[in-house]
Amino acid sequence: MAALDGKKILVIATNYGVEQDEIVVPVDQLRERGATVTVAAQETGSIQTLVGDKDPGKTVDPDTTIAGVNAGSFDALVVPGGTINADTLRTDQQAVSLVSAFVEAGAPVAAICHGPWTLIEAGVVSGKTITSFPSLQSDLRNAGAEWVDREVQVDGGLITSRNPDDLPAFVDAIESALTA
């Protein structure tokens, strides 16, 4: 039996601009650990990932749309980064509402790199200790969070990491949150 058997994880992204490894690695590794992972995008078409915010990466086929999911059907939420993805996602009211619903339900919300922008928009970082891509420091502090430079930071149900180099610790922290 795998560690995450029976756990359902939602990953949300835009259809263009998500950092390749920040969606592909968690999806693959969480599935390998037994989780059922659903990828939801803004639209039904393929997700075009980017490498380093500029070079085209792999395409990912979403399972559904952000509008087509219910937070109550999942045990955790993952918000990958990529500057374009995160900047667009934080303006998507349905994505922001999902973050709020997971936090209100006490379910883990994991965001990496620029992903915490969506957490800021959802109003869930005040009083929390958060890490992210370094350029988000001021945004997080202005939203009432304490920013730290760590590969992974867990504060309550919020799990955050800085960049693709932190993915091993990020995925381990998601597993720990779901098996605690």
N, C-alpha and C. Protein backbone atom coordinates (compact mmCIF):
# COMPACT_ATOMS: atom_id res chain seq x y z
N MET A 1 0.84 -1.19 0.00
CA MET A 1 0.00 0.00 0.00
C MET A 1 0.88 1.25 0.00
N ALA A 2 0.61 2.15 -0.90
CA ALA A 2 1.37 3.38 -1.00
C ALA A 2 0.90 4.38 0.06
N ALA A 3 1.78 5.30 0.42
CA ALA A 3 1.51 6.25 1.50
C ALA A 3 0.26 7.09 1.27
N LEU A 4 -0.03 7.42 0.03
CA LEU A 4 -1.13 8.34 -0.25
C LEU A 4 -2.35 7.65 -0.88
N ASP A 5 -2.43 6.33 -0.76
CA ASP A 5 -3.60 5.62 -1.28
C ASP A 5 -4.87 6.22 -0.70
N GLY A 6 -5.84 6.48 -1.57
CA GLY A 6 -7.11 7.02 -1.13
C GLY A 6 -7.15 8.54 -1.02
N LYS A 7 -6.02 9.19 -1.14
CA LYS A 7 -5.98 10.66 -1.05
C LYS A 7 -6.22 11.26 -2.43
N LYS A 8 -7.00 12.33 -2.45
CA LYS A 8 -7.33 13.02 -3.69
C LYS A 8 -6.74 14.43 -3.65
N ILE A 9 -5.92 14.73 -4.64
CA ILE A 9 -5.21 16.01 -4.68
C ILE A 9 -5.59 16.75 -5.96
N LEU A 10 -5.88 18.04 -5.81
CA LEU A 10 -6.21 18.91 -6.93
C LEU A 10 -5.02 19.81 -7.23
N VAL A 11 -4.64 19.90 -8.50
CA VAL A 11 -3.60 20.81 -8.97
C VAL A 11 -4.28 21.77 -9.93
N ILE A 12 -4.12 23.09 -9.69
CA ILE A 12 -4.75 24.08 -10.57
C ILE A 12 -3.69 24.86 -11.34
N ALA A 13 -4.02 25.20 -12.59
CA ALA A 13 -3.08 25.95 -13.42
C ALA A 13 -3.82 26.66 -14.54
N THR A 14 -3.16 27.64 -15.11
CA THR A 14 -3.67 28.26 -16.33
C THR A 14 -3.25 27.38 -17.50
N ASN A 15 -3.76 27.68 -18.68
CA ASN A 15 -3.42 26.87 -19.85
C ASN A 15 -2.11 27.29 -20.51
N TYR A 16 -1.49 28.36 -20.00
CA TYR A 16 -0.21 28.80 -20.54
C TYR A 16 0.63 29.43 -19.43
N GLY A 17 1.87 29.00 -19.33
CA GLY A 17 2.80 29.71 -18.47
C GLY A 17 3.18 29.06 -17.17
N VAL A 18 2.65 27.88 -16.86
CA VAL A 18 3.05 27.22 -15.63
C VAL A 18 4.47 26.67 -15.81
N GLU A 19 5.28 26.78 -14.78
CA GLU A 19 6.65 26.25 -14.82
C GLU A 19 6.58 24.73 -14.92
N GLN A 20 7.20 24.17 -15.97
CA GLN A 20 7.06 22.75 -16.29
C GLN A 20 7.25 21.83 -15.08
N ASP A 21 8.41 21.91 -14.43
CA ASP A 21 8.68 20.97 -13.35
C ASP A 21 7.78 21.17 -12.14
N GLU A 22 7.26 22.37 -11.97
CA GLU A 22 6.42 22.64 -10.80
C GLU A 22 5.01 22.07 -10.93
N ILE A 23 4.65 21.63 -12.13
CA ILE A 23 3.39 20.90 -12.29
C ILE A 23 3.68 19.41 -12.55
N VAL A 24 4.62 19.11 -13.43
CA VAL A 24 4.89 17.73 -13.82
C VAL A 24 5.43 16.91 -12.66
N VAL A 25 6.41 17.42 -11.94
CA VAL A 25 7.04 16.64 -10.86
C VAL A 25 6.06 16.34 -9.72
N PRO A 26 5.34 17.33 -9.18
CA PRO A 26 4.39 16.98 -8.11
C PRO A 26 3.30 16.01 -8.58
N VAL A 27 2.77 16.24 -9.78
CA VAL A 27 1.72 15.34 -10.28
C VAL A 27 2.25 13.92 -10.37
N ASP A 28 3.39 13.74 -11.02
CA ASP A 28 3.95 12.40 -11.18
C ASP A 28 4.31 11.76 -9.84
N GLN A 29 5.00 12.52 -8.98
CA GLN A 29 5.45 11.93 -7.71
C GLN A 29 4.30 11.65 -6.75
N LEU A 30 3.30 12.49 -6.72
CA LEU A 30 2.15 12.24 -5.84
C LEU A 30 1.36 11.04 -6.34
N ARG A 31 1.27 10.88 -7.66
CA ARG A 31 0.62 9.68 -8.21
C ARG A 31 1.42 8.43 -7.87
N GLU A 32 2.74 8.51 -7.99
CA GLU A 32 3.60 7.37 -7.64
C GLU A 32 3.43 6.98 -6.18
N ARG A 33 3.09 7.93 -5.34
CA ARG A 33 2.91 7.66 -3.90
C ARG A 33 1.48 7.22 -3.59
N GLY A 34 0.65 7.04 -4.62
CA GLY A 34 -0.67 6.47 -4.44
C GLY A 34 -1.84 7.43 -4.52
N ALA A 35 -1.57 8.72 -4.61
CA ALA A 35 -2.66 9.71 -4.65
C ALA A 35 -3.36 9.71 -6.00
N THR A 36 -4.63 10.05 -5.97
CA THR A 36 -5.37 10.35 -7.19
C THR A 36 -5.22 11.86 -7.39
N VAL A 37 -4.56 12.24 -8.47
CA VAL A 37 -4.29 13.65 -8.73
C VAL A 37 -5.13 14.11 -9.92
N THR A 38 -5.87 15.19 -9.71
CA THR A 38 -6.68 15.80 -10.76
C THR A 38 -6.06 17.13 -11.12
N VAL A 39 -5.79 17.33 -12.40
CA VAL A 39 -5.26 18.60 -12.89
C VAL A 39 -6.43 19.38 -13.49
N ALA A 40 -6.64 20.58 -12.96
CA ALA A 40 -7.71 21.46 -13.45
C ALA A 40 -7.08 22.73 -14.03
N ALA A 41 -7.48 23.06 -15.24
CA ALA A 41 -6.99 24.27 -15.91
C ALA A 41 -8.16 25.23 -16.12
N GLN A 42 -7.83 26.44 -16.53
CA GLN A 42 -8.88 27.42 -16.77
C GLN A 42 -9.79 27.00 -17.92
N GLU A 43 -9.22 26.35 -18.91
CA GLU A 43 -9.98 25.91 -20.07
C GLU A 43 -9.71 24.43 -20.33
N THR A 44 -10.48 23.82 -21.22
CA THR A 44 -10.36 22.39 -21.46
C THR A 44 -9.14 22.00 -22.29
N GLY A 45 -8.53 22.90 -23.01
CA GLY A 45 -7.38 22.57 -23.86
C GLY A 45 -6.13 22.26 -23.06
N SER A 46 -5.10 21.82 -23.76
CA SER A 46 -3.83 21.47 -23.13
C SER A 46 -3.20 22.65 -22.40
N ILE A 47 -2.40 22.31 -21.40
CA ILE A 47 -1.62 23.29 -20.65
C ILE A 47 -0.24 23.34 -21.28
N GLN A 48 0.18 24.50 -21.75
CA GLN A 48 1.53 24.67 -22.29
C GLN A 48 2.43 25.14 -21.16
N THR A 49 3.33 24.27 -20.74
CA THR A 49 4.26 24.65 -19.68
C THR A 49 5.43 25.43 -20.29
N LEU A 50 6.14 26.10 -19.41
CA LEU A 50 7.35 26.82 -19.80
C LEU A 50 8.49 26.37 -18.90
N VAL A 51 9.69 26.52 -19.42
CA VAL A 51 10.89 26.26 -18.63
C VAL A 51 11.58 27.61 -18.44
N GLY A 52 11.73 28.01 -17.19
CA GLY A 52 12.35 29.31 -16.91
C GLY A 52 11.54 30.48 -17.41
N ASP A 53 10.23 30.35 -17.43
CA ASP A 53 9.32 31.41 -17.84
C ASP A 53 9.45 31.82 -19.31
N LYS A 54 10.25 31.09 -20.11
CA LYS A 54 10.40 31.54 -21.49
C LYS A 54 10.43 30.44 -22.53
N ASP A 55 11.06 29.32 -22.24
CA ASP A 55 11.18 28.26 -23.24
C ASP A 55 10.02 27.28 -23.13
N PRO A 56 9.41 26.92 -24.27
CA PRO A 56 8.29 25.97 -24.22
C PRO A 56 8.73 24.64 -23.61
N GLY A 57 7.88 24.12 -22.74
CA GLY A 57 8.13 22.82 -22.13
C GLY A 57 7.09 21.83 -22.61
N LYS A 58 6.87 20.80 -21.82
CA LYS A 58 5.89 19.77 -22.14
C LYS A 58 4.48 20.35 -22.10
N THR A 59 3.57 19.69 -22.80
CA THR A 59 2.16 20.03 -22.63
C THR A 59 1.55 19.01 -21.67
N VAL A 60 0.60 19.47 -20.90
CA VAL A 60 -0.09 18.63 -19.93
C VAL A 60 -1.57 18.71 -20.26
N ASP A 61 -2.21 17.55 -20.32
CA ASP A 61 -3.65 17.53 -20.58
C ASP A 61 -4.39 17.58 -19.25
N PRO A 62 -5.20 18.62 -19.04
CA PRO A 62 -5.95 18.70 -17.80
C PRO A 62 -7.07 17.67 -17.77
N ASP A 63 -7.48 17.31 -16.57
CA ASP A 63 -8.59 16.37 -16.38
C ASP A 63 -9.93 17.08 -16.41
N THR A 64 -9.92 18.36 -16.06
CA THR A 64 -11.15 19.13 -15.93
C THR A 64 -10.79 20.61 -15.93
N THR A 65 -11.79 21.44 -15.68
CA THR A 65 -11.55 22.88 -15.56
C THR A 65 -11.65 23.30 -14.10
N ILE A 66 -11.07 24.43 -13.80
CA ILE A 66 -11.15 24.99 -12.45
C ILE A 66 -12.62 25.19 -12.06
N ALA A 67 -13.41 25.65 -13.01
CA ALA A 67 -14.84 25.88 -12.74
C ALA A 67 -15.58 24.58 -12.48
N GLY A 68 -15.03 23.46 -12.93
CA GLY A 68 -15.71 22.18 -12.81
C GLY A 68 -15.38 21.37 -11.58
N VAL A 69 -14.65 21.95 -10.65
CA VAL A 69 -14.28 21.19 -9.44
C VAL A 69 -14.90 21.76 -8.18
N ASN A 70 -15.02 20.91 -7.19
CA ASN A 70 -15.55 21.27 -5.88
C ASN A 70 -14.47 20.97 -4.85
N ALA A 71 -14.06 21.96 -4.10
CA ALA A 71 -13.00 21.77 -3.11
C ALA A 71 -13.28 20.62 -2.17
N GLY A 72 -14.54 20.39 -1.83
CA GLY A 72 -14.90 19.34 -0.90
C GLY A 72 -14.63 17.94 -1.39
N SER A 73 -14.32 17.79 -2.67
CA SER A 73 -14.03 16.48 -3.25
C SER A 73 -12.56 16.09 -3.13
N PHE A 74 -11.74 16.97 -2.56
CA PHE A 74 -10.29 16.75 -2.52
C PHE A 74 -9.73 16.91 -1.12
N ASP A 75 -8.58 16.27 -0.91
CA ASP A 75 -7.90 16.33 0.39
C ASP A 75 -6.85 17.43 0.46
N ALA A 76 -6.34 17.89 -0.70
CA ALA A 76 -5.29 18.91 -0.72
C ALA A 76 -5.32 19.62 -2.06
N LEU A 77 -4.73 20.82 -2.07
CA LEU A 77 -4.62 21.65 -3.27
C LEU A 77 -3.16 21.98 -3.51
N VAL A 78 -2.72 21.91 -4.78
CA VAL A 78 -1.38 22.31 -5.16
C VAL A 78 -1.48 23.45 -6.18
N VAL A 79 -0.74 24.52 -5.92
CA VAL A 79 -0.69 25.68 -6.81
C VAL A 79 0.74 25.83 -7.31
N PRO A 80 1.01 25.39 -8.54
CA PRO A 80 2.37 25.53 -9.07
C PRO A 80 2.65 26.98 -9.46
N GLY A 81 3.93 27.24 -9.71
CA GLY A 81 4.34 28.59 -10.07
C GLY A 81 4.49 28.78 -11.56
N GLY A 82 5.48 29.58 -11.88
CA GLY A 82 5.63 30.12 -13.22
C GLY A 82 5.02 31.51 -13.14
N THR A 83 5.78 32.51 -13.48
CA THR A 83 5.33 33.89 -13.30
C THR A 83 4.02 34.16 -14.03
N ILE A 84 3.93 33.74 -15.29
CA ILE A 84 2.72 34.00 -16.07
C ILE A 84 1.53 33.26 -15.47
N ASN A 85 1.73 31.98 -15.15
CA ASN A 85 0.67 31.17 -14.55
C ASN A 85 0.16 31.82 -13.27
N ALA A 86 1.07 32.11 -12.37
CA ALA A 86 0.67 32.62 -11.06
C ALA A 86 0.03 33.99 -11.14
N ASP A 87 0.55 34.84 -12.02
CA ASP A 87 -0.02 36.18 -12.15
C ASP A 87 -1.44 36.11 -12.72
N THR A 88 -1.66 35.18 -13.64
CA THR A 88 -2.99 35.01 -14.22
C THR A 88 -3.93 34.33 -13.24
N LEU A 89 -3.43 33.31 -12.56
CA LEU A 89 -4.26 32.53 -11.64
C LEU A 89 -4.81 33.40 -10.50
N ARG A 90 -3.99 34.34 -10.03
CA ARG A 90 -4.45 35.17 -8.92
C ARG A 90 -5.56 36.14 -9.31
N THR A 91 -5.78 36.30 -10.61
CA THR A 91 -6.89 37.14 -11.07
C THR A 91 -8.12 36.32 -11.43
N ASP A 92 -8.04 35.02 -11.27
CA ASP A 92 -9.15 34.11 -11.58
C ASP A 92 -9.94 33.88 -10.29
N GLN A 93 -11.13 34.47 -10.21
CA GLN A 93 -11.91 34.41 -8.97
C GLN A 93 -12.23 32.99 -8.56
N GLN A 94 -12.44 32.10 -9.52
CA GLN A 94 -12.73 30.71 -9.17
C GLN A 94 -11.52 30.04 -8.52
N ALA A 95 -10.32 30.32 -9.03
CA ALA A 95 -9.10 29.76 -8.44
C ALA A 95 -8.89 30.31 -7.03
N VAL A 96 -9.08 31.61 -6.87
CA VAL A 96 -8.93 32.24 -5.56
C VAL A 96 -9.95 31.67 -4.57
N SER A 97 -11.17 31.46 -5.03
CA SER A 97 -12.21 30.88 -4.17
C SER A 97 -11.87 29.46 -3.75
N LEU A 98 -11.24 28.70 -4.66
CA LEU A 98 -10.82 27.34 -4.29
C LEU A 98 -9.80 27.38 -3.17
N VAL A 99 -8.82 28.27 -3.28
CA VAL A 99 -7.82 28.40 -2.21
C VAL A 99 -8.52 28.69 -0.89
N SER A 100 -9.41 29.65 -0.89
CA SER A 100 -10.14 30.00 0.33
C SER A 100 -10.92 28.81 0.89
N ALA A 101 -11.58 28.06 0.01
CA ALA A 101 -12.38 26.91 0.45
C ALA A 101 -11.50 25.82 1.08
N PHE A 102 -10.35 25.56 0.50
CA PHE A 102 -9.45 24.56 1.08
C PHE A 102 -8.96 25.01 2.46
N VAL A 103 -8.57 26.27 2.56
CA VAL A 103 -8.08 26.79 3.85
C VAL A 103 -9.19 26.75 4.89
N GLU A 104 -10.38 27.17 4.52
CA GLU A 104 -11.52 27.15 5.46
C GLU A 104 -11.83 25.74 5.93
N ALA A 105 -11.63 24.75 5.06
CA ALA A 105 -11.90 23.35 5.41
C ALA A 105 -10.75 22.72 6.19
N GLY A 106 -9.66 23.45 6.34
CA GLY A 106 -8.50 22.91 7.06
C GLY A 106 -7.70 21.92 6.23
N ALA A 107 -7.88 21.95 4.91
CA ALA A 107 -7.14 21.04 4.02
C ALA A 107 -5.82 21.70 3.60
N PRO A 108 -4.76 20.90 3.42
CA PRO A 108 -3.47 21.46 3.02
C PRO A 108 -3.54 22.18 1.67
N VAL A 109 -2.85 23.32 1.59
CA VAL A 109 -2.69 24.07 0.36
C VAL A 109 -1.19 24.26 0.17
N ALA A 110 -0.67 23.72 -0.94
CA ALA A 110 0.76 23.78 -1.23
C ALA A 110 0.99 24.69 -2.43
N ALA A 111 1.86 25.68 -2.28
CA ALA A 111 2.15 26.62 -3.37
C ALA A 111 3.66 26.79 -3.49
N ILE A 112 4.14 26.76 -4.72
CA ILE A 112 5.58 26.86 -4.95
C ILE A 112 5.90 28.03 -5.87
N CYS A 113 7.07 28.61 -5.65
CA CYS A 113 7.62 29.66 -6.50
C CYS A 113 6.74 30.93 -6.46
N HIS A 114 6.07 31.25 -7.56
CA HIS A 114 5.17 32.41 -7.60
C HIS A 114 3.74 32.05 -7.20
N GLY A 115 3.49 30.75 -6.94
CA GLY A 115 2.16 30.28 -6.55
C GLY A 115 1.56 31.00 -5.35
N PRO A 116 2.38 31.42 -4.36
CA PRO A 116 1.80 32.13 -3.22
C PRO A 116 1.08 33.43 -3.56
N TRP A 117 1.25 33.97 -4.76
CA TRP A 117 0.45 35.13 -5.16
C TRP A 117 -1.04 34.82 -5.03
N THR A 118 -1.43 33.59 -5.37
CA THR A 118 -2.85 33.23 -5.27
C THR A 118 -3.27 33.15 -3.81
N LEU A 119 -2.36 32.73 -2.94
CA LEU A 119 -2.66 32.70 -1.49
C LEU A 119 -2.85 34.11 -0.96
N ILE A 120 -2.03 35.03 -1.44
CA ILE A 120 -2.18 36.44 -1.04
C ILE A 120 -3.56 36.94 -1.46
N GLU A 121 -3.92 36.68 -2.71
CA GLU A 121 -5.20 37.16 -3.23
C GLU A 121 -6.37 36.58 -2.45
N ALA A 122 -6.21 35.34 -1.97
CA ALA A 122 -7.27 34.69 -1.19
C ALA A 122 -7.31 35.20 0.25
N GLY A 123 -6.33 36.00 0.63
CA GLY A 123 -6.32 36.58 1.98
C GLY A 123 -5.99 35.58 3.07
N VAL A 124 -5.15 34.58 2.77
CA VAL A 124 -4.90 33.52 3.75
C VAL A 124 -3.48 33.51 4.33
N VAL A 125 -2.67 34.52 4.02
CA VAL A 125 -1.27 34.49 4.49
C VAL A 125 -0.99 35.35 5.72
N SER A 126 -1.89 36.22 6.10
CA SER A 126 -1.65 37.10 7.24
C SER A 126 -1.36 36.28 8.50
N GLY A 127 -0.25 36.61 9.16
CA GLY A 127 0.13 35.91 10.37
C GLY A 127 0.85 34.59 10.14
N LYS A 128 1.05 34.22 8.88
CA LYS A 128 1.70 32.95 8.54
C LYS A 128 3.16 33.19 8.15
N THR A 129 3.98 32.17 8.31
CA THR A 129 5.35 32.19 7.83
C THR A 129 5.37 31.44 6.51
N ILE A 130 5.86 32.12 5.47
CA ILE A 130 5.76 31.64 4.09
C ILE A 130 7.11 31.79 3.39
N THR A 131 7.40 30.87 2.47
CA THR A 131 8.52 31.07 1.56
C THR A 131 7.97 31.10 0.14
N SER A 132 8.79 31.54 -0.80
CA SER A 132 8.36 31.70 -2.19
C SER A 132 9.59 32.03 -3.01
N PHE A 133 9.38 32.25 -4.31
CA PHE A 133 10.44 32.83 -5.12
C PHE A 133 10.78 34.17 -4.46
N PRO A 134 12.07 34.51 -4.35
CA PRO A 134 12.45 35.72 -3.60
C PRO A 134 11.76 37.01 -4.00
N SER A 135 11.36 37.15 -5.26
CA SER A 135 10.74 38.41 -5.69
C SER A 135 9.38 38.66 -5.06
N LEU A 136 8.78 37.66 -4.41
CA LEU A 136 7.48 37.83 -3.76
C LEU A 136 7.59 38.29 -2.31
N GLN A 137 8.82 38.47 -1.80
CA GLN A 137 9.00 38.84 -0.39
C GLN A 137 8.15 40.03 0.02
N SER A 138 8.24 41.12 -0.72
CA SER A 138 7.50 42.33 -0.35
C SER A 138 6.00 42.12 -0.43
N ASP A 139 5.55 41.38 -1.45
CA ASP A 139 4.12 41.11 -1.59
C ASP A 139 3.61 40.33 -0.38
N LEU A 140 4.36 39.33 0.03
CA LEU A 140 3.95 38.52 1.18
C LEU A 140 3.98 39.33 2.48
N ARG A 141 5.04 40.10 2.66
CA ARG A 141 5.12 40.94 3.87
C ARG A 141 3.99 41.96 3.90
N ASN A 142 3.71 42.57 2.76
CA ASN A 142 2.61 43.55 2.69
C ASN A 142 1.26 42.93 2.98
N ALA A 143 1.15 41.61 2.75
CA ALA A 143 -0.10 40.89 3.02
C ALA A 143 -0.13 40.35 4.45
N GLY A 144 0.91 40.67 5.25
CA GLY A 144 0.92 40.29 6.65
C GLY A 144 1.64 39.00 6.99
N ALA A 145 2.35 38.43 6.02
CA ALA A 145 3.10 37.20 6.28
C ALA A 145 4.53 37.52 6.67
N GLU A 146 5.17 36.55 7.31
CA GLU A 146 6.61 36.62 7.53
C GLU A 146 7.24 35.77 6.44
N TRP A 147 8.17 36.36 5.65
CA TRP A 147 8.82 35.63 4.57
C TRP A 147 10.12 35.04 5.07
N VAL A 148 10.38 33.78 4.71
CA VAL A 148 11.64 33.12 5.06
C VAL A 148 12.24 32.48 3.81
N ASP A 149 13.55 32.32 3.82
CA ASP A 149 14.27 31.72 2.70
C ASP A 149 14.61 30.28 3.08
N ARG A 150 13.66 29.36 2.82
CA ARG A 150 13.83 27.95 3.14
C ARG A 150 13.31 27.12 1.97
N GLU A 151 13.83 25.89 1.82
CA GLU A 151 13.37 25.04 0.72
C GLU A 151 11.90 24.66 0.86
N VAL A 152 11.44 24.52 2.08
CA VAL A 152 10.02 24.28 2.32
C VAL A 152 9.66 24.91 3.66
N GLN A 153 8.47 25.49 3.70
CA GLN A 153 7.96 26.09 4.94
C GLN A 153 6.54 25.60 5.13
N VAL A 154 6.27 25.05 6.29
CA VAL A 154 4.92 24.59 6.61
C VAL A 154 4.41 25.42 7.77
N ASP A 155 3.27 26.06 7.60
CA ASP A 155 2.65 26.83 8.67
C ASP A 155 1.16 26.51 8.65
N GLY A 156 0.74 25.72 9.62
CA GLY A 156 -0.64 25.26 9.61
C GLY A 156 -0.83 24.40 8.37
N GLY A 157 -1.84 24.70 7.60
CA GLY A 157 -2.10 23.94 6.39
C GLY A 157 -1.43 24.49 5.15
N LEU A 158 -0.63 25.54 5.29
CA LEU A 158 0.04 26.13 4.12
C LEU A 158 1.45 25.56 3.99
N ILE A 159 1.73 25.02 2.80
CA ILE A 159 3.04 24.45 2.48
C ILE A 159 3.59 25.27 1.32
N THR A 160 4.77 25.86 1.50
CA THR A 160 5.33 26.69 0.44
C THR A 160 6.80 26.35 0.20
N SER A 161 7.21 26.54 -1.06
CA SER A 161 8.61 26.35 -1.46
C SER A 161 9.00 27.43 -2.45
N ARG A 162 10.32 27.53 -2.69
CA ARG A 162 10.86 28.65 -3.46
C ARG A 162 10.93 28.45 -4.97
N ASN A 163 11.34 27.26 -5.41
CA ASN A 163 11.63 27.06 -6.84
C ASN A 163 11.74 25.57 -7.15
N PRO A 164 11.96 25.20 -8.42
CA PRO A 164 12.01 23.77 -8.77
C PRO A 164 13.07 22.97 -8.01
N ASP A 165 14.15 23.60 -7.59
CA ASP A 165 15.17 22.88 -6.82
C ASP A 165 14.61 22.33 -5.51
N ASP A 166 13.54 22.93 -5.02
CA ASP A 166 12.95 22.55 -3.74
C ASP A 166 11.87 21.47 -3.87
N LEU A 167 11.64 20.97 -5.08
CA LEU A 167 10.53 20.03 -5.29
C LEU A 167 10.60 18.77 -4.43
N PRO A 168 11.76 18.16 -4.19
CA PRO A 168 11.77 16.97 -3.32
C PRO A 168 11.19 17.26 -1.93
N ALA A 169 11.61 18.36 -1.32
CA ALA A 169 11.11 18.72 0.02
C ALA A 169 9.64 19.12 -0.05
N PHE A 170 9.26 19.79 -1.12
CA PHE A 170 7.87 20.24 -1.32
C PHE A 170 6.92 19.04 -1.38
N VAL A 171 7.25 18.06 -2.22
CA VAL A 171 6.40 16.88 -2.36
C VAL A 171 6.38 16.07 -1.06
N ASP A 172 7.53 15.95 -0.40
CA ASP A 172 7.57 15.24 0.90
C ASP A 172 6.66 15.93 1.92
N ALA A 173 6.66 17.27 1.93
CA ALA A 173 5.83 18.00 2.88
C ALA A 173 4.33 17.81 2.60
N ILE A 174 3.98 17.72 1.32
CA ILE A 174 2.58 17.44 0.97
C ILE A 174 2.19 16.06 1.49
N GLU A 175 3.05 15.07 1.25
CA GLU A 175 2.77 13.73 1.76
C GLU A 175 2.64 13.74 3.29
N SER A 176 3.55 14.40 3.96
CA SER A 176 3.50 14.46 5.43
C SER A 176 2.21 15.07 5.92
N ALA A 177 1.76 16.13 5.26
CA ALA A 177 0.52 16.79 5.67
C ALA A 177 -0.68 15.88 5.50
N LEU A 178 -0.64 15.01 4.52
CA LEU A 178 -1.77 14.13 4.24
C LEU A 178 -1.73 12.82 5.02
N THR A 179 -0.62 12.54 5.65
CA THR A 179 -0.49 11.28 6.40
C THR A 179 -0.35 11.51 7.90
N ALA A 180 -0.38 12.77 8.30
CA ALA A 180 -0.19 13.10 9.73
C ALA A 180 -1.40 12.67 10.54
